[in-house]
């Protein structure tokens, strides 16, 4: 069986309830999601903030385009 490269997303453990962070990585298809990965491409996160008794969700994404193109 040949190993193939795939892009995976897995959760980073944080203590805050309002912040959810995930890593975007490249790894082999036979490895676990939280297991080893070849290279980190970026991260994605959501932040929930309370403004004037309304909940506002912001999505923050950062990707290293040079490594993604490689």
PDB file of N, CA and C in Angstrom:
ATOM      1  N   UNK A   1       0.839  -1.183   0.000  1.00  0.00           N
ATOM      2  CA  UNK A   1       0.000   0.000   0.000  1.00  0.00           C
ATOM      3  C   UNK A   1       0.884   1.247   0.000  1.00  0.00           C
ATOM      4  N   UNK A   2       0.618   2.164  -0.894  1.00  0.00           N
ATOM      5  CA  UNK A   2       1.402   3.385  -1.002  1.00  0.00           C
ATOM      6  C   UNK A   2       0.844   4.446  -0.063  1.00  0.00           C
ATOM      7  N   UNK A   3       1.763   5.183   0.543  1.00  0.00           N
ATOM      8  CA  UNK A   3       1.344   6.276   1.414  1.00  0.00           C
ATOM      9  C   UNK A   3       1.058   7.499   0.557  1.00  0.00           C
ATOM     10  N   UNK A   4      -0.046   8.154   0.835  1.00  0.00           N
ATOM     11  CA  UNK A   4      -0.435   9.352   0.116  1.00  0.00           C
ATOM     12  C   UNK A   4      -0.447  10.527   1.079  1.00  0.00           C
ATOM     13  N   UNK A   5      -0.166  11.710   0.551  1.00  0.00           N
ATOM     14  CA  UNK A   5      -0.216  12.926   1.350  1.00  0.00           C
ATOM     15  C   UNK A   5      -1.638  13.464   1.381  1.00  0.00           C
ATOM     16  N   UNK A   6      -2.081  13.854   2.554  1.00  0.00           N
ATOM     17  CA  UNK A   6      -3.395  14.476   2.688  1.00  0.00           C
ATOM     18  C   UNK A   6      -3.288  15.656   3.648  1.00  0.00           C
ATOM     19  N   UNK A   7      -4.228  16.575   3.533  1.00  0.00           N
ATOM     20  CA  UNK A   7      -4.288  17.728   4.424  1.00  0.00           C
ATOM     21  C   UNK A   7      -5.265  17.406   5.548  1.00  0.00           C
ATOM     22  N   UNK A   8      -4.808  17.590   6.785  1.00  0.00           N
ATOM     23  CA  UNK A   8      -5.617  17.250   7.954  1.00  0.00           C
ATOM     24  C   UNK A   8      -5.811  18.484   8.827  1.00  0.00           C
ATOM     25  N   UNK A   9      -6.890  18.475   9.581  1.00  0.00           N
ATOM     26  CA  UNK A   9      -7.178  19.529  10.550  1.00  0.00           C
ATOM     27  C   UNK A   9      -7.425  18.856  11.896  1.00  0.00           C
ATOM     28  N   UNK A  10      -6.718  19.300  12.936  1.00  0.00           N
ATOM     29  CA  UNK A  10      -7.005  18.754  14.258  1.00  0.00           C
ATOM     30  C   UNK A  10      -6.991  19.842  15.315  1.00  0.00           C
ATOM     31  N   UNK A  11      -7.710  19.576  16.391  1.00  0.00           N
ATOM     32  CA  UNK A  11      -7.963  20.555  17.443  1.00  0.00           C
ATOM     33  C   UNK A  11      -6.757  20.681  18.368  1.00  0.00           C
ATOM     34  N   UNK A  12      -6.482  21.916  18.756  1.00  0.00           N
ATOM     35  CA  UNK A  12      -5.460  22.203  19.754  1.00  0.00           C
ATOM     36  C   UNK A  12      -6.171  22.379  21.085  1.00  0.00           C
ATOM     37  N   UNK A  13      -5.654  21.789  22.114  1.00  0.00           N
ATOM     38  CA  UNK A  13      -6.286  21.899  23.430  1.00  0.00           C
ATOM     39  C   UNK A  13      -6.023  23.263  24.033  1.00  0.00           C
ATOM     40  N   UNK A  14      -7.074  23.962  24.382  1.00  0.00           N
ATOM     41  CA  UNK A  14      -6.998  25.267  25.030  1.00  0.00           C
ATOM     42  C   UNK A  14      -7.865  25.246  26.272  1.00  0.00           C
ATOM     43  N   UNK A  15      -7.585  26.128  27.198  1.00  0.00           N
ATOM     44  CA  UNK A  15      -8.359  26.172  28.438  1.00  0.00           C
ATOM     45  C   UNK A  15      -9.606  27.026  28.325  1.00  0.00           C
ATOM     46  N   UNK A  16      -9.644  27.944  27.400  1.00  0.00           N
ATOM     47  CA  UNK A  16     -10.774  28.855  27.278  1.00  0.00           C
ATOM     48  C   UNK A  16     -11.937  28.177  26.561  1.00  0.00           C
ATOM     49  N   UNK A  17     -13.149  28.438  27.017  1.00  0.00           N
ATOM     50  CA  UNK A  17     -14.337  27.852  26.389  1.00  0.00           C
ATOM     51  C   UNK A  17     -14.720  28.588  25.113  1.00  0.00           C
ATOM     52  N   UNK A  18     -14.370  29.871  25.019  1.00  0.00           N
ATOM     53  CA  UNK A  18     -14.798  30.680  23.883  1.00  0.00           C
ATOM     54  C   UNK A  18     -13.875  30.558  22.676  1.00  0.00           C
ATOM     55  N   UNK A  19     -12.650  30.121  22.861  1.00  0.00           N
ATOM     56  CA  UNK A  19     -11.697  30.043  21.765  1.00  0.00           C
ATOM     57  C   UNK A  19     -11.522  28.589  21.333  1.00  0.00           C
ATOM     58  N   UNK A  20     -11.673  28.330  20.044  1.00  0.00           N
ATOM     59  CA  UNK A  20     -11.448  27.003  19.490  1.00  0.00           C
ATOM     60  C   UNK A  20     -10.381  27.154  18.416  1.00  0.00           C
ATOM     61  N   UNK A  21      -9.248  26.457  18.583  1.00  0.00           N
ATOM     62  CA  UNK A  21      -8.152  26.561  17.635  1.00  0.00           C
ATOM     63  C   UNK A  21      -7.879  25.211  17.004  1.00  0.00           C
ATOM     64  N   UNK A  22      -7.555  25.219  15.708  1.00  0.00           N
ATOM     65  CA  UNK A  22      -7.238  23.996  14.987  1.00  0.00           C
ATOM     66  C   UNK A  22      -6.014  24.221  14.127  1.00  0.00           C
ATOM     67  N   UNK A  23      -5.197  23.180  13.961  1.00  0.00           N
ATOM     68  CA  UNK A  23      -4.029  23.221  13.098  1.00  0.00           C
ATOM     69  C   UNK A  23      -4.355  22.627  11.744  1.00  0.00           C
ATOM     70  N   UNK A  24      -3.764  23.181  10.694  1.00  0.00           N
ATOM     71  CA  UNK A  24      -3.873  22.630   9.345  1.00  0.00           C
ATOM     72  C   UNK A  24      -2.494  22.062   9.008  1.00  0.00           C
ATOM     73  N   UNK A  25      -2.417  20.756   8.789  1.00  0.00           N
ATOM     74  CA  UNK A  25      -1.134  20.092   8.571  1.00  0.00           C
ATOM     75  C   UNK A  25      -1.201  19.158   7.359  1.00  0.00           C
ATOM     76  N   UNK A  26      -0.029  18.748   6.886  1.00  0.00           N
ATOM     77  CA  UNK A  26       0.082  17.746   5.834  1.00  0.00           C
ATOM     78  C   UNK A  26       0.648  16.493   6.472  1.00  0.00           C
ATOM     79  N   UNK A  27       0.034  15.351   6.189  1.00  0.00           N
ATOM     80  CA  UNK A  27       0.499  14.097   6.749  1.00  0.00           C
ATOM     81  C   UNK A  27       0.198  12.945   5.821  1.00  0.00           C
ATOM     82  N   UNK A  28       0.616  11.766   6.229  1.00  0.00           N
ATOM     83  CA  UNK A  28       0.329  10.556   5.467  1.00  0.00           C
ATOM     84  C   UNK A  28      -1.083  10.075   5.778  1.00  0.00           C
ATOM     85  N   UNK A  29      -1.698   9.367   4.842  1.00  0.00           N
ATOM     86  CA  UNK A  29      -3.055   8.887   5.047  1.00  0.00           C
ATOM     87  C   UNK A  29      -3.134   7.742   6.044  1.00  0.00           C
ATOM     88  N   UNK A  30      -2.024   7.123   6.386  1.00  0.00           N
ATOM     89  CA  UNK A  30      -2.050   5.999   7.321  1.00  0.00           C
ATOM     90  C   UNK A  30      -1.856   6.426   8.772  1.00  0.00           C
ATOM     91  N   UNK A  31      -1.484   7.676   9.021  1.00  0.00           N
ATOM     92  CA  UNK A  31      -1.262   8.162  10.381  1.00  0.00           C
ATOM     93  C   UNK A  31      -2.562   8.645  10.994  1.00  0.00           C
ATOM     94  N   UNK A  32      -2.613   8.652  12.327  1.00  0.00           N
ATOM     95  CA  UNK A  32      -3.758   9.210  13.030  1.00  0.00           C
ATOM     96  C   UNK A  32      -3.784  10.717  12.837  1.00  0.00           C
ATOM     97  N   UNK A  33      -4.945  11.303  13.050  1.00  0.00           N
ATOM     98  CA  UNK A  33      -5.088  12.748  12.867  1.00  0.00           C
ATOM     99  C   UNK A  33      -4.206  13.497  13.862  1.00  0.00           C
ATOM    100  N   UNK A  34      -4.203  13.088  15.113  1.00  0.00           N
ATOM    101  CA  UNK A  34      -3.405  13.774  16.119  1.00  0.00           C
ATOM    102  C   UNK A  34      -1.975  13.249  16.170  1.00  0.00           C
ATOM    103  N   UNK A  35      -1.657  12.258  15.356  1.00  0.00           N
ATOM    104  CA  UNK A  35      -0.315  11.686  15.348  1.00  0.00           C
ATOM    105  C   UNK A  35       0.676  12.586  14.639  1.00  0.00           C
ATOM    106  N   UNK A  36       1.740  11.968  14.130  1.00  0.00           N
ATOM    107  CA  UNK A  36       2.778  12.745  13.476  1.00  0.00           C
ATOM    108  C   UNK A  36       2.308  13.363  12.176  1.00  0.00           C
ATOM    109  N   UNK A  37       2.873  14.487  11.863  1.00  0.00           N
ATOM    110  CA  UNK A  37       2.576  15.138  10.605  1.00  0.00           C
ATOM    111  C   UNK A  37       3.878  15.606   9.991  1.00  0.00           C
ATOM    112  N   UNK A  38       3.859  15.848   8.695  1.00  0.00           N
ATOM    113  CA  UNK A  38       5.064  16.224   7.977  1.00  0.00           C
ATOM    114  C   UNK A  38       5.352  17.710   8.122  1.00  0.00           C
ATOM    115  N   UNK A  39       4.337  18.523   7.884  1.00  0.00           N
ATOM    116  CA  UNK A  39       4.547  19.962   7.941  1.00  0.00           C
ATOM    117  C   UNK A  39       3.278  20.690   8.364  1.00  0.00           C
ATOM    118  N   UNK A  40       3.459  21.747   9.130  1.00  0.00           N
ATOM    119  CA  UNK A  40       2.351  22.586   9.551  1.00  0.00           C
ATOM    120  C   UNK A  40       2.123  23.660   8.489  1.00  0.00           C
ATOM    121  N   UNK A  41       0.896  23.751   7.977  1.00  0.00           N
ATOM    122  CA  UNK A  41       0.571  24.745   6.959  1.00  0.00           C
ATOM    123  C   UNK A  41      -0.014  26.018   7.539  1.00  0.00           C
ATOM    124  N   UNK A  42      -0.738  25.906   8.631  1.00  0.00           N
ATOM    125  CA  UNK A  42      -1.352  27.090   9.213  1.00  0.00           C
ATOM    126  C   UNK A  42      -2.261  26.737  10.362  1.00  0.00           C
ATOM    127  N   UNK A  43      -3.136  27.676  10.692  1.00  0.00           N
ATOM    128  CA  UNK A  43      -4.077  27.454  11.787  1.00  0.00           C
ATOM    129  C   UNK A  43      -5.369  28.179  11.483  1.00  0.00           C
ATOM    130  N   UNK A  44      -6.419  27.726  12.138  1.00  0.00           N
ATOM    131  CA  UNK A  44      -7.735  28.340  11.995  1.00  0.00           C
ATOM    132  C   UNK A  44      -8.363  28.372  13.385  1.00  0.00           C
ATOM    133  N   UNK A  45      -9.072  29.441  13.676  1.00  0.00           N
ATOM    134  CA  UNK A  45      -9.666  29.560  14.996  1.00  0.00           C
ATOM    135  C   UNK A  45     -10.932  30.397  14.972  1.00  0.00           C
ATOM    136  N   UNK A  46     -11.758  30.187  15.969  1.00  0.00           N
ATOM    137  CA  UNK A  46     -12.960  30.980  16.139  1.00  0.00           C
ATOM    138  C   UNK A  46     -12.932  31.603  17.525  1.00  0.00           C
ATOM    139  N   UNK A  47     -13.363  32.827  17.591  1.00  0.00           N
ATOM    140  CA  UNK A  47     -13.436  33.547  18.862  1.00  0.00           C
ATOM    141  C   UNK A  47     -14.861  34.044  19.041  1.00  0.00           C
ATOM    142  N   UNK A  48     -15.459  33.696  20.164  1.00  0.00           N
ATOM    143  CA  UNK A  48     -16.814  34.143  20.482  1.00  0.00           C
ATOM    144  C   UNK A  48     -16.694  35.238  21.522  1.00  0.00           C
ATOM    145  N   UNK A  49     -17.217  36.415  21.200  1.00  0.00           N
ATOM    146  CA  UNK A  49     -17.162  37.534  22.133  1.00  0.00           C
ATOM    147  C   UNK A  49     -18.566  38.059  22.384  1.00  0.00           C
ATOM    148  N   UNK A  50     -18.760  38.572  23.583  1.00  0.00           N
ATOM    149  CA  UNK A  50     -20.060  39.098  23.963  1.00  0.00           C
ATOM    150  C   UNK A  50     -19.995  40.625  23.945  1.00  0.00           C
ATOM    151  N   UNK A  51     -20.783  41.230  23.046  1.00  0.00           N
ATOM    152  CA  UNK A  51     -20.822  42.687  22.911  1.00  0.00           C
ATOM    153  C   UNK A  51     -22.272  43.130  23.046  1.00  0.00           C
ATOM    154  N   UNK A  52     -22.549  43.933  24.052  1.00  0.00           N
ATOM    155  CA  UNK A  52     -23.901  44.462  24.293  1.00  0.00           C
ATOM    156  C   UNK A  52     -24.957  43.358  24.347  1.00  0.00           C
ATOM    157  N   UNK A  53     -24.692  42.329  25.090  1.00  0.00           N
ATOM    158  CA  UNK A  53     -25.564  41.162  25.284  1.00  0.00           C
ATOM    159  C   UNK A  53     -25.832  40.387  23.986  1.00  0.00           C
ATOM    160  N   UNK A  54     -25.009  40.576  22.968  1.00  0.00           N
ATOM    161  CA  UNK A  54     -25.086  39.794  21.731  1.00  0.00           C
ATOM    162  C   UNK A  54     -23.795  39.013  21.564  1.00  0.00           C
ATOM    163  N   UNK A  55     -23.906  37.776  21.101  1.00  0.00           N
ATOM    164  CA  UNK A  55     -22.731  36.966  20.847  1.00  0.00           C
ATOM    165  C   UNK A  55     -22.258  37.191  19.417  1.00  0.00           C
ATOM    166  N   UNK A  56     -20.976  37.454  19.274  1.00  0.00           N
ATOM    167  CA  UNK A  56     -20.390  37.684  17.962  1.00  0.00           C
ATOM    168  C   UNK A  56     -19.266  36.676  17.752  1.00  0.00           C
ATOM    169  N   UNK A  57     -19.290  35.975  16.616  1.00  0.00           N
ATOM    170  CA  UNK A  57     -18.281  34.968  16.307  1.00  0.00           C
ATOM    171  C   UNK A  57     -17.374  35.483  15.208  1.00  0.00           C
ATOM    172  N   UNK A  58     -16.060  35.402  15.450  1.00  0.00           N
ATOM    173  CA  UNK A  58     -15.070  35.785  14.451  1.00  0.00           C
ATOM    174  C   UNK A  58     -14.248  34.566  14.080  1.00  0.00           C
ATOM    175  N   UNK A  59     -13.979  34.395  12.789  1.00  0.00           N
ATOM    176  CA  UNK A  59     -13.144  33.304  12.306  1.00  0.00           C
ATOM    177  C   UNK A  59     -11.810  33.886  11.870  1.00  0.00           C
ATOM    178  N   UNK A  60     -10.742  33.350  12.430  1.00  0.00           N
ATOM    179  CA  UNK A  60      -9.396  33.807  12.112  1.00  0.00           C
ATOM    180  C   UNK A  60      -8.649  32.642  11.472  1.00  0.00           C
ATOM    181  N   UNK A  61      -8.099  32.878  10.272  1.00  0.00           N
ATOM    182  CA  UNK A  61      -7.398  31.828   9.546  1.00  0.00           C
ATOM    183  C   UNK A  61      -6.059  32.368   9.047  1.00  0.00           C
ATOM    184  N   UNK A  62      -5.002  31.591   9.243  1.00  0.00           N
ATOM    185  CA  UNK A  62      -3.694  31.968   8.708  1.00  0.00           C
ATOM    186  C   UNK A  62      -3.086  30.741   8.036  1.00  0.00           C
ATOM    187  N   UNK A  63      -2.679  30.906   6.771  1.00  0.00           N
ATOM    188  CA  UNK A  63      -2.099  29.810   5.991  1.00  0.00           C
ATOM    189  C   UNK A  63      -0.800  30.300   5.377  1.00  0.00           C
ATOM    190  N   UNK A  64       0.240  29.491   5.465  1.00  0.00           N
ATOM    191  CA  UNK A  64       1.512  29.788   4.833  1.00  0.00           C
ATOM    192  C   UNK A  64       1.415  29.357   3.369  1.00  0.00           C
ATOM    193  N   UNK A  65       1.184  30.307   2.461  1.00  0.00           N
ATOM    194  CA  UNK A  65       0.930  29.999   1.057  1.00  0.00           C
ATOM    195  C   UNK A  65       2.150  29.425   0.343  1.00  0.00           C
ATOM    196  N   UNK A  66       3.334  29.806   0.751  1.00  0.00           N
ATOM    197  CA  UNK A  66       4.544  29.235   0.130  1.00  0.00           C
ATOM    198  C   UNK A  66       4.648  27.748   0.391  1.00  0.00           C
ATOM    199  N   UNK A  67       4.360  27.338   1.622  1.00  0.00           N
ATOM    200  CA  UNK A  67       4.433  25.914   1.959  1.00  0.00           C
ATOM    201  C   UNK A  67       3.272  25.151   1.339  1.00  0.00           C
ATOM    202  N   UNK A  68       2.115  25.778   1.201  1.00  0.00           N
ATOM    203  CA  UNK A  68       0.979  25.138   0.575  1.00  0.00           C
ATOM    204  C   UNK A  68       1.254  24.891  -0.904  1.00  0.00           C
ATOM    205  N   UNK A  69       1.899  25.848  -1.574  1.00  0.00           N
ATOM    206  CA  UNK A  69       2.231  25.698  -2.980  1.00  0.00           C
ATOM    207  C   UNK A  69       3.325  24.680  -3.236  1.00  0.00           C
ATOM    208  N   UNK A  70       4.198  24.474  -2.265  1.00  0.00           N
ATOM    209  CA  UNK A  70       5.273  23.506  -2.413  1.00  0.00           C
ATOM    210  C   UNK A  70       4.728  22.103  -2.464  1.00  0.00           C
TER     211      UNK A  70
END
